[in-house]
């Protein structure tokens, strides 16, 4: 009788440990977040939303911005960033042109330095 009780105790311990490990693995799998998404906390709930989506609280109500609002806001942000990049590119292009003119003037004023540099 003691052997059966000991055997049952060992079996119960092994299966309970396996069950706990399986639960931990399941929780880890559930936490995987797809690319471009994030988990946000809204009260007691976790929400899987696109990165950058805004959540507003209106009283006790949690309101997510609609997909149209999200896309429009993101496109507007991208337009602003693109305009800034284009302005920076234009300024850099002007500096390059200015440096080319300065280099040409230096080469014209010192024709011997150009020959020595090529040798």
Protein backbone atom coordinates (compact mmCIF):
# COMPACT_ATOMS: atom_id res chain seq x y z
CA UNK A 1 0.00 0.00 0.00
CA UNK A 2 2.84 2.34 0.80
CA UNK A 3 4.38 1.65 -2.62
CA UNK A 4 1.14 2.57 -4.41
CA UNK A 5 0.79 5.80 -2.39
CA UNK A 6 4.42 6.69 -3.12
CA UNK A 7 3.93 5.90 -6.82
CA UNK A 8 0.77 8.05 -6.99
CA UNK A 9 2.54 10.90 -5.21
CA UNK A 10 5.42 10.80 -7.69
CA UNK A 11 3.03 10.67 -10.68
CA UNK A 12 1.02 13.62 -9.34
CA UNK A 13 4.18 15.68 -8.80
CA UNK A 14 5.47 14.96 -12.31
CA UNK A 15 2.18 15.78 -14.03
CA UNK A 16 1.58 18.93 -11.99
CA UNK A 17 5.07 20.17 -12.86
CA UNK A 18 4.45 19.42 -16.55
CA UNK A 19 1.12 21.25 -16.41
CA UNK A 20 2.73 24.35 -14.85
CA UNK A 21 5.51 24.39 -17.47
CA UNK A 22 2.94 24.08 -20.27
CA UNK A 23 1.02 27.07 -18.89
CA UNK A 24 4.21 29.16 -18.80
CA UNK A 25 4.99 28.26 -22.44
CA UNK A 26 1.46 29.17 -23.48
CA UNK A 27 1.78 32.60 -21.79
CA UNK A 28 5.09 33.24 -23.59
CA UNK A 29 3.51 32.37 -26.95
CA UNK A 30 0.62 34.73 -26.31
CA UNK A 31 3.03 37.62 -25.65
CA UNK A 32 4.55 37.47 -29.16
CA UNK A 33 3.82 40.78 -30.85
CA UNK A 34 3.71 40.94 -34.67
CA UNK A 35 5.99 43.37 -36.46
CA UNK A 36 4.59 46.90 -36.55
CA UNK A 37 2.28 46.26 -33.61
CA UNK A 38 2.52 46.94 -29.89
CA UNK A 39 0.65 46.01 -26.74
CA UNK A 40 -0.89 48.96 -24.92
CA UNK A 41 -2.44 48.96 -21.48
CA UNK A 42 -5.96 50.39 -21.27
CA UNK A 43 -7.20 49.98 -17.73
CA UNK A 44 -7.05 46.28 -16.94
CA UNK A 45 -7.02 45.25 -20.58
CA UNK A 46 -4.06 44.78 -22.91
CA UNK A 47 -4.70 45.92 -26.47
CA UNK A 48 -2.73 44.86 -29.55
CA UNK A 49 -2.63 47.96 -31.76
CA UNK A 50 -0.46 49.37 -34.57
CA UNK A 51 2.59 51.27 -33.31
CA UNK A 52 1.75 54.90 -32.71
CA UNK A 53 -2.02 54.47 -32.37
CA UNK A 54 -3.50 56.89 -29.89
CA UNK A 55 -5.81 55.86 -27.08
CA UNK A 56 -8.00 58.47 -25.39
CA UNK A 57 -9.89 58.29 -22.15
CA UNK A 58 -13.32 59.89 -22.14
CA UNK A 59 -14.68 59.45 -18.66
CA UNK A 60 -14.73 55.72 -18.01
CA UNK A 61 -14.65 54.96 -21.71
CA UNK A 62 -11.41 54.10 -23.52
CA UNK A 63 -11.52 55.19 -27.17
CA UNK A 64 -9.10 54.04 -29.86
CA UNK A 65 -8.62 56.27 -32.86
CA UNK A 66 -10.23 54.81 -35.98
CA UNK A 67 -8.12 53.27 -38.72
CA UNK A 68 -8.95 56.25 -40.99
CA UNK A 69 -7.72 58.71 -38.35
CA UNK A 70 -4.59 56.64 -37.73
CA UNK A 71 -3.70 56.40 -41.43
CA UNK A 72 -4.43 60.09 -42.06
CA UNK A 73 -2.30 61.16 -39.10
CA UNK A 74 0.57 58.87 -40.11
CA UNK A 75 0.48 60.14 -43.72
CA UNK A 76 0.46 63.74 -42.50
CA UNK A 77 3.49 62.98 -40.28
CA UNK A 78 5.26 61.34 -43.22
CA UNK A 79 4.56 64.38 -45.44
CA UNK A 80 6.10 66.66 -42.80
CA UNK A 81 9.16 64.43 -42.50
CA UNK A 82 9.53 64.25 -46.29
CA UNK A 83 9.35 68.05 -46.61
CA UNK A 84 12.02 68.40 -43.91
CA UNK A 85 14.29 65.85 -45.64
CA UNK A 86 13.85 67.61 -48.99
CA UNK A 87 14.77 70.97 -47.43
CA UNK A 88 17.89 69.45 -45.84
CA UNK A 89 18.83 67.83 -49.16
CA UNK A 90 18.46 71.15 -50.98
CA UNK A 91 20.67 72.90 -48.41
CA UNK A 92 23.32 70.18 -48.76
CA UNK A 93 23.19 70.43 -52.56
CA UNK A 94 23.75 74.19 -52.34
CA UNK A 95 26.75 73.65 -50.06
CA UNK A 96 28.20 71.11 -52.51
CA UNK A 97 27.79 73.57 -55.39
CA UNK A 98 29.45 76.29 -53.32
CA UNK A 99 32.36 73.98 -52.48
CA UNK A 100 32.74 73.03 -56.15
CA UNK A 101 32.92 76.73 -57.12
CA UNK A 102 35.47 77.41 -54.40
CA UNK A 103 37.56 74.43 -55.52
CA UNK A 104 37.41 75.59 -59.14
CA UNK A 105 38.55 79.08 -58.15
CA UNK A 106 41.44 77.64 -56.12
CA UNK A 107 42.49 75.42 -59.04
CA UNK A 108 42.35 78.38 -61.46
CA UNK A 109 44.45 80.58 -59.18
CA UNK A 110 47.07 77.83 -58.62
CA UNK A 111 47.51 75.88 -61.86
CA UNK A 112 50.79 74.34 -60.61
CA UNK A 113 49.14 72.74 -57.57
CA UNK A 114 46.82 70.81 -59.88
CA UNK A 115 49.78 69.36 -61.85
CA UNK A 116 51.63 68.35 -58.69
CA UNK A 117 48.53 66.61 -57.35
CA UNK A 118 48.19 64.52 -60.53
CA UNK A 119 51.81 63.28 -60.52
